[in-house]
N, C-alpha and C. Protein backbone atom coordinates (compact mmCIF):
# COMPACT_ATOMS: atom_id res chain seq x y z
N MET A 1 -13.78 -3.87 24.72
CA MET A 1 -13.21 -2.51 24.62
C MET A 1 -13.82 -1.73 23.25
N ILE A 2 -13.68 -0.70 24.37
CA ILE A 2 -14.24 0.45 22.94
C ILE A 2 -14.24 2.21 23.19
N ALA A 3 -14.31 2.41 21.57
CA ALA A 3 -13.83 4.05 21.59
C ALA A 3 -14.92 4.83 21.05
N ILE A 4 -14.82 5.54 22.18
CA ILE A 4 -15.94 6.73 22.75
C ILE A 4 -15.84 7.93 22.09
N PRO A 5 -16.42 8.77 20.69
CA PRO A 5 -15.66 10.16 20.05
C PRO A 5 -15.70 11.04 20.94
N THR A 6 -14.75 12.30 20.57
CA THR A 6 -14.53 13.40 21.67
C THR A 6 -14.35 14.52 20.45
N ALA A 7 -14.93 15.79 20.35
CA ALA A 7 -15.32 17.31 20.34
C ALA A 7 -13.86 16.96 19.75
N ILE A 8 -12.44 16.21 19.78
CA ILE A 8 -11.27 16.60 19.17
C ILE A 8 -12.02 15.13 18.41
N PRO A 9 -12.35 14.87 16.79
CA PRO A 9 -12.70 13.68 16.19
C PRO A 9 -10.71 12.74 16.60
N ASP A 10 -9.85 12.36 16.95
CA ASP A 10 -8.36 11.54 17.14
C ASP A 10 -8.28 11.82 18.45
N LEU A 11 -8.53 12.58 19.21
CA LEU A 11 -8.50 11.46 20.89
C LEU A 11 -9.74 10.52 20.80
N LEU A 12 -9.67 9.88 21.01
CA LEU A 12 -10.42 8.39 21.84
C LEU A 12 -10.94 8.28 23.16
N ILE A 13 -12.37 7.94 24.20
CA ILE A 13 -12.44 7.21 25.10
C ILE A 13 -12.14 5.85 25.21
N ILE A 14 -11.34 5.57 25.88
CA ILE A 14 -11.22 3.55 25.43
C ILE A 14 -12.05 3.88 27.04
N GLU A 15 -13.08 3.17 26.59
CA GLU A 15 -14.15 2.03 27.69
C GLU A 15 -13.39 0.45 27.49
N PRO A 16 -13.62 0.04 28.48
CA PRO A 16 -12.60 -1.58 29.08
C PRO A 16 -14.10 -2.44 28.92
N LYS A 17 -14.28 -3.56 28.65
CA LYS A 17 -15.02 -4.15 29.41
C LYS A 17 -14.75 -5.09 30.51
N VAL A 18 -15.95 -4.04 31.94
CA VAL A 18 -15.17 -4.65 32.82
C VAL A 18 -15.98 -5.75 33.33
N PHE A 19 -15.60 -7.06 33.65
CA PHE A 19 -15.20 -8.50 34.42
C PHE A 19 -15.49 -7.78 36.09
N GLY A 20 -17.49 -7.99 36.85
CA GLY A 20 -17.33 -8.25 37.66
C GLY A 20 -18.20 -8.70 38.69
N ASP A 21 -16.98 -9.04 40.08
CA ASP A 21 -18.61 -9.85 40.67
C ASP A 21 -18.18 -9.12 42.51
N ASP A 22 -18.42 -9.73 42.74
CA ASP A 22 -18.44 -10.47 44.96
C ASP A 22 -17.15 -9.86 45.19
N ARG A 23 -16.25 -10.48 44.22
CA ARG A 23 -15.16 -10.66 44.65
C ARG A 23 -13.87 -9.03 44.44
N GLY A 24 -14.90 -8.16 43.18
CA GLY A 24 -13.59 -8.01 42.01
C GLY A 24 -13.99 -7.16 41.30
N PHE A 25 -13.10 -7.43 40.55
CA PHE A 25 -13.02 -6.92 39.75
C PHE A 25 -12.44 -7.58 38.23
N PHE A 26 -12.36 -7.29 37.10
CA PHE A 26 -11.28 -7.45 36.48
C PHE A 26 -12.00 -6.41 34.84
N PHE A 27 -10.22 -6.45 33.90
CA PHE A 27 -10.38 -5.36 32.32
C PHE A 27 -8.75 -5.87 32.39
N GLU A 28 -9.30 -6.01 30.71
CA GLU A 28 -7.80 -5.92 30.01
C GLU A 28 -7.99 -4.56 30.09
N SER A 29 -6.84 -3.47 30.63
CA SER A 29 -6.59 -2.33 30.22
C SER A 29 -5.93 -2.36 28.47
N TYR A 30 -4.78 -3.09 27.76
CA TYR A 30 -4.32 -2.77 27.09
C TYR A 30 -4.04 -4.01 25.85
N ASN A 31 -5.19 -3.77 24.65
CA ASN A 31 -4.66 -4.94 23.52
C ASN A 31 -3.99 -4.38 23.04
N ARG A 32 -3.15 -5.38 22.22
CA ARG A 32 -2.67 -3.95 20.66
C ARG A 32 -3.33 -4.59 19.91
N ARG A 33 -3.90 -5.47 19.76
CA ARG A 33 -4.40 -5.83 18.27
C ARG A 33 -5.93 -5.33 18.73
N GLN A 34 -6.45 -5.18 19.45
CA GLN A 34 -7.79 -4.02 19.78
C GLN A 34 -7.83 -2.77 19.81
N PHE A 35 -7.30 -2.41 19.76
CA PHE A 35 -6.95 -0.79 20.97
C PHE A 35 -6.13 -0.54 18.62
N ALA A 36 -5.44 -1.39 17.79
CA ALA A 36 -5.07 -0.67 16.34
C ALA A 36 -6.37 -0.78 15.47
N GLY A 37 -7.00 -1.23 16.13
CA GLY A 37 -9.12 -1.90 15.22
C GLY A 37 -9.76 -0.33 15.39
N LEU A 38 -9.22 0.35 17.47
CA LEU A 38 -10.26 1.03 17.34
C LEU A 38 -9.66 2.74 17.25
N ILE A 39 -8.52 2.79 17.05
CA ILE A 39 -7.62 4.21 16.60
C ILE A 39 -7.04 4.41 15.27
N GLY A 40 -7.62 2.53 14.55
CA GLY A 40 -7.31 2.83 13.02
C GLY A 40 -5.82 3.23 12.64
N ARG A 41 -4.62 2.56 13.59
CA ARG A 41 -3.01 1.47 13.21
C ARG A 41 -2.47 1.80 14.20
N ASP A 42 -1.21 0.74 14.22
CA ASP A 42 -1.30 0.23 14.92
C ASP A 42 -0.08 0.88 15.51
N VAL A 43 0.23 1.38 16.62
CA VAL A 43 1.42 1.54 17.63
C VAL A 43 1.83 0.79 18.05
N ASP A 44 3.20 1.72 18.67
CA ASP A 44 4.23 0.78 19.07
C ASP A 44 5.15 1.93 20.19
N PHE A 45 4.14 1.33 21.54
CA PHE A 45 3.86 2.31 22.91
C PHE A 45 5.77 1.20 23.65
N VAL A 46 6.67 2.64 23.82
CA VAL A 46 7.30 1.80 24.46
C VAL A 46 8.02 2.70 25.73
N GLN A 47 7.50 2.97 26.81
CA GLN A 47 7.23 3.57 27.63
C GLN A 47 5.70 3.15 28.13
N ASP A 48 5.87 2.97 29.95
CA ASP A 48 5.09 3.04 30.40
C ASP A 48 5.33 4.07 31.87
N ASN A 49 4.79 5.25 32.35
CA ASN A 49 5.29 5.74 33.21
C ASN A 49 3.53 5.62 33.69
N HIS A 50 4.64 6.19 35.74
CA HIS A 50 3.03 5.98 36.62
C HIS A 50 3.41 6.87 37.81
N SER A 51 1.90 7.57 38.22
CA SER A 51 3.40 8.78 38.90
C SER A 51 1.52 9.24 40.06
N ARG A 52 2.15 9.74 41.54
CA ARG A 52 1.25 9.62 42.26
C ARG A 52 1.47 10.96 42.72
N SER A 53 0.09 11.23 42.53
CA SER A 53 0.51 12.27 42.85
C SER A 53 -1.52 13.09 43.90
N VAL A 54 -0.73 14.61 45.03
CA VAL A 54 -2.30 15.10 45.74
C VAL A 54 -2.87 15.80 45.22
N LYS A 55 -4.32 15.85 45.84
CA LYS A 55 -5.43 16.70 45.72
C LYS A 55 -5.09 18.06 44.93
N ASN A 56 -4.80 19.08 43.70
CA ASN A 56 -4.58 20.75 43.54
C ASN A 56 -3.34 20.36 43.17
N VAL A 57 -2.49 18.96 43.04
CA VAL A 57 -1.74 19.15 42.02
C VAL A 57 -2.17 19.30 40.80
N LEU A 58 -1.44 20.30 39.95
CA LEU A 58 -1.50 20.10 38.40
C LEU A 58 0.01 19.68 37.60
N ARG A 59 -0.79 19.56 36.42
CA ARG A 59 0.76 18.84 35.83
C ARG A 59 0.48 18.66 34.36
N GLY A 60 1.77 19.71 33.93
CA GLY A 60 1.44 19.99 32.26
C GLY A 60 1.05 21.28 31.95
N LEU A 61 0.70 21.84 31.24
CA LEU A 61 0.04 20.86 29.65
C LEU A 61 1.80 20.94 29.17
N HIS A 62 2.56 19.63 28.79
CA HIS A 62 3.25 19.29 28.71
C HIS A 62 3.22 18.70 27.17
N TYR A 63 4.15 18.85 26.60
CA TYR A 63 4.61 17.87 25.03
C TYR A 63 6.61 17.72 24.67
N GLN A 64 6.10 16.86 23.87
CA GLN A 64 7.96 17.43 23.35
C GLN A 64 7.88 17.18 21.45
N ILE A 65 8.52 19.09 21.20
CA ILE A 65 8.57 19.22 19.90
C ILE A 65 9.08 18.35 19.07
N ARG A 66 10.24 16.74 19.51
CA ARG A 66 10.94 16.75 18.53
C ARG A 66 10.19 14.75 19.24
N HIS A 67 10.71 14.18 18.73
CA HIS A 67 9.86 12.73 19.38
C HIS A 67 8.39 12.68 20.04
N PRO A 68 7.75 13.62 19.02
CA PRO A 68 5.79 13.66 19.67
C PRO A 68 5.53 12.13 20.49
N GLN A 69 5.26 11.79 21.34
CA GLN A 69 4.39 11.05 21.92
C GLN A 69 3.16 10.94 22.15
N GLY A 70 3.07 9.28 21.59
CA GLY A 70 1.45 9.43 21.87
C GLY A 70 0.97 8.42 23.06
N LYS A 71 0.03 8.90 23.46
CA LYS A 71 0.08 8.46 25.22
C LYS A 71 -1.65 7.91 24.77
N LEU A 72 -1.72 6.84 25.39
CA LEU A 72 -2.95 6.26 26.19
C LEU A 72 -2.47 6.00 27.65
N VAL A 73 -3.89 6.68 28.59
CA VAL A 73 -3.33 7.48 29.60
C VAL A 73 -5.43 6.71 30.47
N ARG A 74 -4.79 6.64 31.65
CA ARG A 74 -5.30 6.54 33.47
C ARG A 74 -5.35 6.51 34.20
N VAL A 75 -6.98 5.80 35.04
CA VAL A 75 -6.08 6.82 36.05
C VAL A 75 -6.15 5.36 36.78
N ALA A 76 -5.81 4.53 37.77
CA ALA A 76 -5.55 3.19 38.95
C ALA A 76 -5.82 3.60 40.25
N GLN A 77 -6.24 4.73 40.72
CA GLN A 77 -6.22 5.72 42.24
C GLN A 77 -6.65 6.46 41.91
N GLY A 78 -8.26 7.19 42.16
CA GLY A 78 -8.47 8.30 42.22
C GLY A 78 -8.78 8.74 41.00
N THR A 79 -9.35 10.70 40.79
CA THR A 79 -9.71 11.09 40.12
C THR A 79 -9.00 12.42 39.99
N VAL A 80 -8.84 12.02 38.15
CA VAL A 80 -8.41 13.15 38.06
C VAL A 80 -9.51 13.77 36.65
N LEU A 81 -9.24 15.98 36.82
CA LEU A 81 -9.04 16.04 35.09
C LEU A 81 -8.67 16.20 34.13
N ASP A 82 -8.85 15.55 33.63
CA ASP A 82 -7.82 15.03 32.30
C ASP A 82 -7.67 16.00 31.05
N VAL A 83 -6.94 16.64 30.22
CA VAL A 83 -6.86 16.92 30.02
C VAL A 83 -5.69 17.36 28.34
N ALA A 84 -6.63 17.52 26.92
CA ALA A 84 -5.32 17.40 25.86
C ALA A 84 -5.47 18.74 24.98
N VAL A 85 -4.68 19.04 24.90
CA VAL A 85 -5.11 20.76 23.78
C VAL A 85 -4.28 20.23 22.71
N ASP A 86 -4.68 20.79 21.16
CA ASP A 86 -4.81 19.95 20.02
C ASP A 86 -3.68 21.07 19.49
N ILE A 87 -2.50 21.03 19.27
CA ILE A 87 -1.48 22.24 18.96
C ILE A 87 -0.94 21.75 17.34
N ARG A 88 -1.74 21.23 16.96
CA ARG A 88 -1.58 20.24 15.17
C ARG A 88 -1.69 21.94 14.53
N LYS A 89 -1.23 22.90 14.11
CA LYS A 89 -1.21 23.91 13.25
C LYS A 89 -2.64 23.66 12.25
N SER A 90 -1.80 22.69 11.15
CA SER A 90 -2.79 22.87 10.34
C SER A 90 -3.76 21.51 10.43
N SER A 91 -4.96 21.45 11.53
CA SER A 91 -6.27 20.76 12.47
C SER A 91 -7.03 21.43 12.29
N PRO A 92 -7.97 21.85 12.22
CA PRO A 92 -9.05 21.93 12.28
C PRO A 92 -9.99 22.37 13.75
N ALA A 93 -9.49 22.09 14.76
CA ALA A 93 -9.38 22.27 15.91
C ALA A 93 -7.68 22.46 16.90
N PHE A 94 -7.49 22.76 16.13
CA PHE A 94 -6.47 23.56 17.04
C PHE A 94 -6.33 24.61 17.56
N GLY A 95 -5.60 24.55 18.62
CA GLY A 95 -6.19 25.87 19.62
C GLY A 95 -7.68 25.50 21.42
N LYS A 96 -8.12 24.33 20.23
CA LYS A 96 -8.86 23.42 21.53
C LYS A 96 -8.29 22.26 21.95
N HIS A 97 -9.57 22.90 22.51
CA HIS A 97 -8.84 20.84 23.96
C HIS A 97 -10.11 20.37 24.41
N VAL A 98 -9.66 19.11 25.40
CA VAL A 98 -11.17 18.25 25.56
C VAL A 98 -11.01 17.93 26.89
N ALA A 99 -11.53 18.19 27.75
CA ALA A 99 -11.85 18.49 29.23
C ALA A 99 -12.32 16.81 29.69
N LEU A 100 -11.97 15.66 30.79
CA LEU A 100 -12.88 14.58 30.67
C LEU A 100 -11.84 14.74 32.20
N GLU A 101 -12.95 13.53 33.36
CA GLU A 101 -12.76 12.76 33.88
C GLU A 101 -12.73 11.42 33.75
N LEU A 102 -11.49 11.06 34.18
CA LEU A 102 -10.80 9.56 34.63
C LEU A 102 -10.64 9.17 35.97
N SER A 103 -10.79 7.63 36.35
CA SER A 103 -10.93 7.65 37.38
C SER A 103 -11.11 6.37 37.59
N ALA A 104 -10.43 5.39 38.91
CA ALA A 104 -10.24 4.76 39.16
C ALA A 104 -11.62 3.69 39.11
N GLU A 105 -13.14 4.75 39.60
CA GLU A 105 -14.36 4.22 38.95
C GLU A 105 -14.47 3.59 37.14
N ASN A 106 -14.41 4.97 37.77
CA ASN A 106 -15.15 4.26 35.47
C ASN A 106 -13.91 4.26 34.41
N LYS A 107 -12.97 4.01 35.66
CA LYS A 107 -12.16 3.01 34.10
C LYS A 107 -12.00 3.21 32.68
N ARG A 108 -12.29 4.32 32.97
CA ARG A 108 -11.39 5.33 31.24
C ARG A 108 -10.63 5.64 31.26
N MET A 109 -9.73 5.16 29.54
CA MET A 109 -9.40 5.53 29.53
C MET A 109 -9.30 6.36 28.30
N LEU A 110 -8.46 7.60 27.83
CA LEU A 110 -7.66 8.19 27.36
C LEU A 110 -7.01 8.42 25.76
N TRP A 111 -7.01 7.87 24.60
CA TRP A 111 -6.26 7.53 23.49
C TRP A 111 -5.56 9.60 23.59
N ILE A 112 -4.39 10.01 23.52
CA ILE A 112 -4.19 11.18 23.06
C ILE A 112 -2.94 10.69 21.96
N PRO A 113 -3.28 11.71 20.78
CA PRO A 113 -2.61 10.71 19.76
C PRO A 113 -0.93 12.14 19.97
N GLU A 114 -0.38 11.90 19.19
CA GLU A 114 1.01 12.88 18.09
C GLU A 114 0.48 13.59 18.22
N GLY A 115 0.80 15.63 18.45
CA GLY A 115 0.80 16.76 18.29
C GLY A 115 -0.48 17.31 19.55
N PHE A 116 -0.62 16.88 20.49
CA PHE A 116 -0.97 17.79 21.12
C PHE A 116 -0.04 17.81 23.11
N ALA A 117 -0.39 18.59 23.35
CA ALA A 117 -0.52 18.76 25.00
C ALA A 117 -1.54 18.23 25.39
N HIS A 118 -0.91 18.19 27.07
CA HIS A 118 -1.35 17.16 28.08
C HIS A 118 -0.83 17.43 29.54
N GLY A 119 -3.01 17.73 30.18
CA GLY A 119 -2.28 17.66 31.37
C GLY A 119 -3.18 17.64 32.90
N PHE A 120 -2.68 17.24 33.54
CA PHE A 120 -4.39 16.89 34.35
C PHE A 120 -3.98 17.35 36.11
N VAL A 121 -5.13 17.70 36.39
CA VAL A 121 -4.86 18.01 37.94
C VAL A 121 -5.50 16.96 38.43
N VAL A 122 -5.53 17.44 39.99
CA VAL A 122 -5.61 15.90 41.13
C VAL A 122 -7.08 16.60 41.98
N LEU A 123 -8.65 15.11 41.54
CA LEU A 123 -9.51 16.07 42.20
C LEU A 123 -9.65 14.94 43.45
N SER A 124 -8.94 14.67 43.65
CA SER A 124 -9.73 13.36 44.98
C SER A 124 -7.78 13.46 45.87
N ASP A 125 -8.69 13.08 47.45
CA ASP A 125 -7.32 13.75 47.88
C ASP A 125 -5.34 12.70 47.66
N THR A 126 -6.22 12.03 46.39
CA THR A 126 -5.04 11.30 46.22
C THR A 126 -5.47 11.11 44.45
N ALA A 127 -3.55 10.79 44.07
CA ALA A 127 -4.14 10.04 43.00
C ALA A 127 -3.00 9.61 41.72
N GLU A 128 -2.82 8.10 41.26
CA GLU A 128 -2.35 6.87 40.55
C GLU A 128 -2.42 7.02 38.48
N PHE A 129 -2.24 8.38 38.48
CA PHE A 129 -1.91 8.07 36.79
C PHE A 129 -0.82 7.54 36.43
N LEU A 130 -1.19 6.48 35.14
CA LEU A 130 -0.98 5.84 34.34
C LEU A 130 -0.96 6.51 33.26
N TYR A 131 0.42 5.99 32.08
CA TYR A 131 0.65 6.32 31.00
C TYR A 131 1.40 5.50 29.90
N LYS A 132 1.01 5.37 29.23
CA LYS A 132 2.24 4.22 28.21
C LYS A 132 1.74 5.70 26.89
N ALA A 133 3.47 5.22 26.31
CA ALA A 133 3.59 6.53 25.53
C ALA A 133 4.62 5.70 24.59
N THR A 134 4.46 6.52 23.02
CA THR A 134 4.62 5.61 21.89
C THR A 134 6.65 6.11 20.94
N ASP A 135 6.64 6.74 22.46
CA ASP A 135 7.75 8.15 22.12
C ASP A 135 8.31 8.15 23.38
N TYR A 136 10.43 7.72 23.61
CA TYR A 136 10.75 7.71 24.42
C TYR A 136 10.64 9.21 25.44
N TRP A 137 11.07 10.00 26.22
CA TRP A 137 11.13 11.15 27.10
C TRP A 137 12.58 11.97 26.96
N PHE A 138 12.47 13.21 26.15
CA PHE A 138 13.93 14.09 25.55
C PHE A 138 13.57 14.92 26.29
N PRO A 139 14.14 14.67 27.86
CA PRO A 139 14.51 16.12 28.15
C PRO A 139 14.06 17.50 27.60
N GLU A 140 15.05 16.86 26.58
CA GLU A 140 15.79 18.58 26.03
C GLU A 140 14.95 18.82 24.62
N HIS A 141 14.13 17.97 24.76
CA HIS A 141 12.68 17.98 23.10
C HIS A 141 10.89 18.83 24.08
N GLU A 142 11.04 18.25 25.52
CA GLU A 142 9.81 18.79 25.99
C GLU A 142 9.33 19.92 25.76
N ARG A 143 8.22 20.11 26.03
CA ARG A 143 8.48 21.84 25.70
C ARG A 143 6.46 21.79 26.44
N CYS A 144 6.05 22.71 27.41
CA CYS A 144 5.15 23.30 28.79
C CYS A 144 4.43 24.29 28.17
N ILE A 145 3.70 24.44 27.95
CA ILE A 145 2.69 25.77 27.89
C ILE A 145 1.67 25.63 28.73
N ARG A 146 1.36 26.72 29.52
CA ARG A 146 1.20 27.17 30.18
C ARG A 146 -0.37 27.22 30.53
N TRP A 147 -0.70 26.11 31.90
CA TRP A 147 -2.33 25.78 32.12
C TRP A 147 -3.32 26.47 32.30
N ASN A 148 -2.56 27.81 32.89
CA ASN A 148 -3.68 29.30 32.88
C ASN A 148 -3.78 30.22 31.93
N ASP A 149 -2.93 29.54 30.50
CA ASP A 149 -3.30 30.27 29.31
C ASP A 149 -5.01 30.89 28.95
N PRO A 150 -5.34 31.92 29.39
CA PRO A 150 -6.79 32.58 28.54
C PRO A 150 -7.32 32.62 27.17
N ALA A 151 -6.09 32.12 26.70
CA ALA A 151 -6.19 31.93 24.38
C ALA A 151 -7.38 29.85 25.24
N LEU A 152 -7.03 30.06 25.81
CA LEU A 152 -6.95 28.24 25.95
C LEU A 152 -8.39 28.04 27.04
N ALA A 153 -9.01 29.01 27.52
CA ALA A 153 -9.72 28.70 28.53
C ALA A 153 -9.95 27.26 29.53
N ILE A 154 -9.26 27.13 29.63
CA ILE A 154 -9.82 25.55 30.49
C ILE A 154 -10.06 25.55 32.09
N ASP A 155 -11.78 25.14 31.96
CA ASP A 155 -11.82 25.13 33.04
C ASP A 155 -11.02 23.57 34.68
N TRP A 156 -10.18 23.87 34.24
CA TRP A 156 -9.88 23.02 35.54
C TRP A 156 -10.13 22.77 37.22
N LYS A 157 -11.31 22.81 36.48
CA LYS A 157 -12.40 22.52 37.76
C LYS A 157 -12.04 22.93 39.84
N LEU A 158 -11.54 23.73 39.23
CA LEU A 158 -10.33 24.03 41.11
C LEU A 158 -10.73 24.62 41.89
N GLN A 159 -10.72 24.70 43.04
CA GLN A 159 -10.96 26.14 44.08
C GLN A 159 -9.93 27.10 44.79
N VAL A 160 -9.04 25.79 44.38
CA VAL A 160 -8.31 26.67 45.15
C VAL A 160 -6.67 26.79 43.69
N PRO A 161 -5.52 27.56 43.96
CA PRO A 161 -4.74 27.25 43.57
C PRO A 161 -4.09 25.83 43.68
N PRO A 162 -3.65 25.71 41.73
CA PRO A 162 -3.09 24.51 42.05
C PRO A 162 -1.52 24.01 42.88
N ALA A 163 -1.40 23.35 43.20
CA ALA A 163 0.17 23.38 43.17
C ALA A 163 0.84 22.52 41.74
N LEU A 164 2.15 23.49 41.45
CA LEU A 164 2.56 23.15 40.30
C LEU A 164 4.35 22.69 40.46
N SER A 165 4.73 21.99 39.55
CA SER A 165 6.28 22.13 39.51
C SER A 165 7.23 23.51 38.94
N GLY A 166 8.03 23.70 39.44
CA GLY A 166 8.48 25.31 38.87
C GLY A 166 8.79 24.85 37.16
N LYS A 167 8.86 23.76 36.44
CA LYS A 167 8.96 23.89 35.40
C LYS A 167 7.64 24.08 34.55
N ASP A 168 6.44 23.67 35.02
CA ASP A 168 4.93 24.24 34.93
C ASP A 168 4.76 25.50 34.86
N ALA A 169 4.96 26.54 35.55
CA ALA A 169 5.13 27.56 36.50
C ALA A 169 5.75 28.29 35.41
N GLN A 170 6.44 27.91 34.61
CA GLN A 170 7.10 29.07 33.68
C GLN A 170 6.38 28.57 31.84
N GLY A 171 5.80 26.70 32.26
CA GLY A 171 5.52 27.34 30.99
C GLY A 171 4.53 28.17 30.14
N LYS A 172 4.39 28.21 28.66
CA LYS A 172 4.62 29.09 27.90
C LYS A 172 3.22 29.47 27.55
N LEU A 173 2.92 30.33 27.05
CA LEU A 173 1.42 30.86 26.09
C LEU A 173 1.76 30.02 25.37
N PHE A 174 0.07 29.49 24.75
CA PHE A 174 -0.22 29.05 23.21
C PHE A 174 0.09 29.66 22.25
N LYS A 175 0.00 30.78 21.88
CA LYS A 175 1.02 32.24 21.03
C LYS A 175 2.05 32.29 21.46
N ASP A 176 3.22 31.36 22.54
CA ASP A 176 4.44 31.13 21.34
C ASP A 176 4.85 30.14 22.27
N ALA A 177 4.79 29.71 21.90
CA ALA A 177 4.06 28.11 22.12
C ALA A 177 4.87 28.03 21.20
N GLU A 178 6.06 26.38 20.91
CA GLU A 178 6.24 25.92 19.46
C GLU A 178 4.94 24.22 18.63
N HIS A 179 4.59 24.62 17.65
CA HIS A 179 3.62 24.08 17.93
C HIS A 179 4.40 23.46 16.62
N PHE A 180 3.16 21.90 16.51
CA PHE A 180 3.22 21.02 15.61
C PHE A 180 2.87 21.87 13.69
N THR A 181 3.36 21.14 12.84
CA THR A 181 2.38 21.68 11.66
C THR A 181 1.38 21.03 11.46
């Protein structure tokens, strides 16, 4: 397993070592000791989530203002464009984002530490998205930033308007959202 830096140093692409042959493949998607070495600290994942979505479904940009969650995300089937936005006021990257394709084919994962808003859009016909979280989901602390906020200027690679939940359609503008210090 290796870590690849992104434009925002705290966000890391994690590439597993994949063993494959004509029968298929095997890789270790998580190893606590190795992961701690890659990110420089030990984390305790307390919840695993799995979603399935169809093409052009956009989920996000979500975060929890209290009980912030670090997330290790990956795609088990299909392809998504995954986006993380730095919402830490003290960060030099405040308001900046990283967007990258995660797919079952490339087997890449993204480590998104606490202090980021996160979202993804499905680029394939369907996608199954998996993530490990460092804290539990607390709906009363969940927040959403508008996916198409012009201040963030995220290129979601959409050819048609996305399918959104009611909550995501009502996301706040970045300037009006609650941020971390």
